Protein backbone atom coordinates (compact mmCIF):
# COMPACT_ATOMS: atom_id res chain seq x y z
CA UNK A 1 0.00 0.00 0.00
CA UNK A 2 1.46 3.35 -1.03
CA UNK A 3 1.26 6.13 1.55
CA UNK A 4 2.26 9.78 1.94
CA UNK A 5 4.63 11.09 4.60
CA UNK A 6 1.65 12.82 6.19
CA UNK A 7 -0.16 9.50 6.59
CA UNK A 8 2.92 7.80 8.01
CA UNK A 9 3.46 10.61 10.54
CA UNK A 10 -0.07 10.26 11.95
CA UNK A 11 -0.46 6.48 11.55
CA UNK A 12 0.53 5.62 15.11
CA UNK A 13 -1.53 8.18 17.00
CA UNK A 14 -3.76 6.44 19.54
CA UNK A 15 -6.96 7.21 17.61
CA UNK A 16 -5.49 5.95 14.33
CA UNK A 17 -3.35 3.01 15.43
CA UNK A 18 -6.47 0.83 15.70
CA UNK A 19 -7.19 1.20 11.96
CA UNK A 20 -6.18 -1.98 10.19
CA UNK A 21 -4.62 -2.04 6.73
CA UNK A 22 -7.33 -4.47 5.59
CA UNK A 23 -10.00 -1.88 6.36
CA UNK A 24 -8.10 0.77 4.39
CA UNK A 25 -7.75 -1.60 1.44
CA UNK A 26 -11.47 -2.40 1.63
CA UNK A 27 -12.27 1.32 1.41
CA UNK A 28 -9.95 1.72 -1.57
CA UNK A 29 -11.26 -1.31 -3.45
CA UNK A 30 -14.94 -1.40 -2.44
CA UNK A 31 -16.06 2.01 -1.16
CA UNK A 32 -19.66 2.63 -0.20
CA UNK A 33 -19.32 6.26 -1.29
CA UNK A 34 -16.72 8.32 -3.11
CA UNK A 35 -16.28 12.06 -3.64
CA UNK A 36 -13.51 14.10 -5.22
CA UNK A 37 -12.23 17.17 -3.43
CA UNK A 38 -11.41 20.40 -5.27
CA UNK A 39 -7.69 19.63 -4.93
CA UNK A 40 -8.19 16.29 -6.71
CA UNK A 41 -7.88 14.08 -3.65
CA UNK A 42 -10.41 11.29 -3.44
CA UNK A 43 -12.49 10.52 -0.35
CA UNK A 44 -13.80 6.98 0.07
CA UNK A 45 -15.90 5.61 2.90
CA UNK A 46 -16.50 2.06 4.08
CA UNK A 47 -18.52 0.68 6.98
CA UNK A 48 -16.39 -1.34 9.40
CA UNK A 49 -18.47 -3.95 11.17
CA UNK A 50 -15.40 -4.83 13.25
CA UNK A 51 -15.70 -1.38 14.86
CA UNK A 52 -19.41 -1.48 15.56
CA UNK A 53 -20.42 -0.22 12.13
CA UNK A 54 -18.38 2.99 12.25
CA UNK A 55 -17.47 4.53 8.91
CA UNK A 56 -13.83 4.78 7.91
CA UNK A 57 -12.89 7.64 5.59
CA UNK A 58 -9.79 7.11 3.46
CA UNK A 59 -8.37 10.06 1.55
CA UNK A 60 -6.32 9.18 -1.52
CA UNK A 61 -4.03 11.24 -3.67
CA UNK A 62 -5.35 11.95 -7.20
CA UNK A 63 -3.58 8.79 -8.44
CA UNK A 64 -6.34 6.77 -6.68
CA UNK A 65 -3.86 4.53 -4.87
CA UNK A 66 -1.67 6.57 -2.50
CA UNK A 67 -3.22 6.90 0.98
CA UNK A 68 -2.99 10.42 2.39
CA UNK A 69 -5.26 10.01 5.44
CA UNK A 70 -7.54 7.49 7.16
CA UNK A 71 -9.81 8.05 10.14
CA UNK A 72 -13.23 7.20 11.54
CA UNK A 73 -15.66 9.83 10.28
CA UNK A 74 -18.12 10.64 13.07
CA UNK A 75 -20.09 13.03 10.86
CA UNK A 76 -20.64 10.68 7.91
CA UNK A 77 -24.25 9.95 7.02
CA UNK A 78 -24.76 7.01 4.62
C-alpha atoms as a PDB file:
ATOM      1  CA  UNK A   1       0.000   0.000   0.000  1.00  0.00           C
ATOM      2  CA  UNK A   2       1.460   3.352  -1.035  1.00  0.00           C
ATOM      3  CA  UNK A   3       1.263   6.134   1.553  1.00  0.00           C
ATOM      4  CA  UNK A   4       2.265   9.775   1.944  1.00  0.00           C
ATOM      5  CA  UNK A   5       4.626  11.087   4.598  1.00  0.00           C
ATOM      6  CA  UNK A   6       1.652  12.818   6.189  1.00  0.00           C
ATOM      7  CA  UNK A   7      -0.164   9.500   6.591  1.00  0.00           C
ATOM      8  CA  UNK A   8       2.925   7.799   8.013  1.00  0.00           C
ATOM      9  CA  UNK A   9       3.464  10.610  10.538  1.00  0.00           C
ATOM     10  CA  UNK A  10      -0.068  10.259  11.953  1.00  0.00           C
ATOM     11  CA  UNK A  11      -0.457   6.481  11.552  1.00  0.00           C
ATOM     12  CA  UNK A  12       0.535   5.616  15.111  1.00  0.00           C
ATOM     13  CA  UNK A  13      -1.530   8.180  17.003  1.00  0.00           C
ATOM     14  CA  UNK A  14      -3.762   6.443  19.536  1.00  0.00           C
ATOM     15  CA  UNK A  15      -6.962   7.211  17.611  1.00  0.00           C
ATOM     16  CA  UNK A  16      -5.493   5.948  14.327  1.00  0.00           C
ATOM     17  CA  UNK A  17      -3.353   3.010  15.431  1.00  0.00           C
ATOM     18  CA  UNK A  18      -6.475   0.832  15.699  1.00  0.00           C
ATOM     19  CA  UNK A  19      -7.186   1.205  11.963  1.00  0.00           C
ATOM     20  CA  UNK A  20      -6.176  -1.979  10.195  1.00  0.00           C
ATOM     21  CA  UNK A  21      -4.618  -2.044   6.732  1.00  0.00           C
ATOM     22  CA  UNK A  22      -7.326  -4.473   5.594  1.00  0.00           C
ATOM     23  CA  UNK A  23     -10.002  -1.879   6.357  1.00  0.00           C
ATOM     24  CA  UNK A  24      -8.104   0.770   4.390  1.00  0.00           C
ATOM     25  CA  UNK A  25      -7.749  -1.600   1.441  1.00  0.00           C
ATOM     26  CA  UNK A  26     -11.466  -2.397   1.627  1.00  0.00           C
ATOM     27  CA  UNK A  27     -12.269   1.322   1.412  1.00  0.00           C
ATOM     28  CA  UNK A  28      -9.949   1.723  -1.571  1.00  0.00           C
ATOM     29  CA  UNK A  29     -11.263  -1.308  -3.454  1.00  0.00           C
ATOM     30  CA  UNK A  30     -14.941  -1.400  -2.436  1.00  0.00           C
ATOM     31  CA  UNK A  31     -16.060   2.014  -1.158  1.00  0.00           C
ATOM     32  CA  UNK A  32     -19.659   2.629  -0.198  1.00  0.00           C
ATOM     33  CA  UNK A  33     -19.321   6.257  -1.295  1.00  0.00           C
ATOM     34  CA  UNK A  34     -16.724   8.325  -3.111  1.00  0.00           C
ATOM     35  CA  UNK A  35     -16.285  12.058  -3.644  1.00  0.00           C
ATOM     36  CA  UNK A  36     -13.515  14.099  -5.218  1.00  0.00           C
ATOM     37  CA  UNK A  37     -12.234  17.172  -3.431  1.00  0.00           C
ATOM     38  CA  UNK A  38     -11.413  20.398  -5.265  1.00  0.00           C
ATOM     39  CA  UNK A  39      -7.687  19.627  -4.934  1.00  0.00           C
ATOM     40  CA  UNK A  40      -8.191  16.287  -6.711  1.00  0.00           C
ATOM     41  CA  UNK A  41      -7.876  14.077  -3.646  1.00  0.00           C
ATOM     42  CA  UNK A  42     -10.408  11.287  -3.440  1.00  0.00           C
ATOM     43  CA  UNK A  43     -12.485  10.516  -0.351  1.00  0.00           C
ATOM     44  CA  UNK A  44     -13.797   6.984   0.072  1.00  0.00           C
ATOM     45  CA  UNK A  45     -15.898   5.608   2.904  1.00  0.00           C
ATOM     46  CA  UNK A  46     -16.501   2.061   4.080  1.00  0.00           C
ATOM     47  CA  UNK A  47     -18.521   0.681   6.983  1.00  0.00           C
ATOM     48  CA  UNK A  48     -16.387  -1.339   9.405  1.00  0.00           C
ATOM     49  CA  UNK A  49     -18.467  -3.947  11.173  1.00  0.00           C
ATOM     50  CA  UNK A  50     -15.396  -4.830  13.250  1.00  0.00           C
ATOM     51  CA  UNK A  51     -15.696  -1.383  14.862  1.00  0.00           C
ATOM     52  CA  UNK A  52     -19.411  -1.477  15.556  1.00  0.00           C
ATOM     53  CA  UNK A  53     -20.419  -0.222  12.132  1.00  0.00           C
ATOM     54  CA  UNK A  54     -18.379   2.987  12.255  1.00  0.00           C
ATOM     55  CA  UNK A  55     -17.470   4.535   8.907  1.00  0.00           C
ATOM     56  CA  UNK A  56     -13.834   4.780   7.911  1.00  0.00           C
ATOM     57  CA  UNK A  57     -12.888   7.636   5.589  1.00  0.00           C
ATOM     58  CA  UNK A  58      -9.792   7.106   3.465  1.00  0.00           C
ATOM     59  CA  UNK A  59      -8.368  10.056   1.547  1.00  0.00           C
ATOM     60  CA  UNK A  60      -6.324   9.176  -1.519  1.00  0.00           C
ATOM     61  CA  UNK A  61      -4.032  11.242  -3.672  1.00  0.00           C
ATOM     62  CA  UNK A  62      -5.351  11.947  -7.198  1.00  0.00           C
ATOM     63  CA  UNK A  63      -3.577   8.795  -8.442  1.00  0.00           C
ATOM     64  CA  UNK A  64      -6.341   6.769  -6.676  1.00  0.00           C
ATOM     65  CA  UNK A  65      -3.858   4.526  -4.868  1.00  0.00           C
ATOM     66  CA  UNK A  66      -1.670   6.569  -2.497  1.00  0.00           C
ATOM     67  CA  UNK A  67      -3.222   6.905   0.979  1.00  0.00           C
ATOM     68  CA  UNK A  68      -2.992  10.416   2.392  1.00  0.00           C
ATOM     69  CA  UNK A  69      -5.257  10.011   5.439  1.00  0.00           C
ATOM     70  CA  UNK A  70      -7.543   7.490   7.164  1.00  0.00           C
ATOM     71  CA  UNK A  71      -9.808   8.049  10.141  1.00  0.00           C
ATOM     72  CA  UNK A  72     -13.230   7.195  11.543  1.00  0.00           C
ATOM     73  CA  UNK A  73     -15.657   9.826  10.279  1.00  0.00           C
ATOM     74  CA  UNK A  74     -18.117  10.644  13.069  1.00  0.00           C
ATOM     75  CA  UNK A  75     -20.094  13.027  10.862  1.00  0.00           C
ATOM     76  CA  UNK A  76     -20.639  10.684   7.907  1.00  0.00           C
ATOM     77  CA  UNK A  77     -24.252   9.953   7.021  1.00  0.00           C
ATOM     78  CA  UNK A  78     -24.762   7.012   4.625  1.00  0.00           C
END
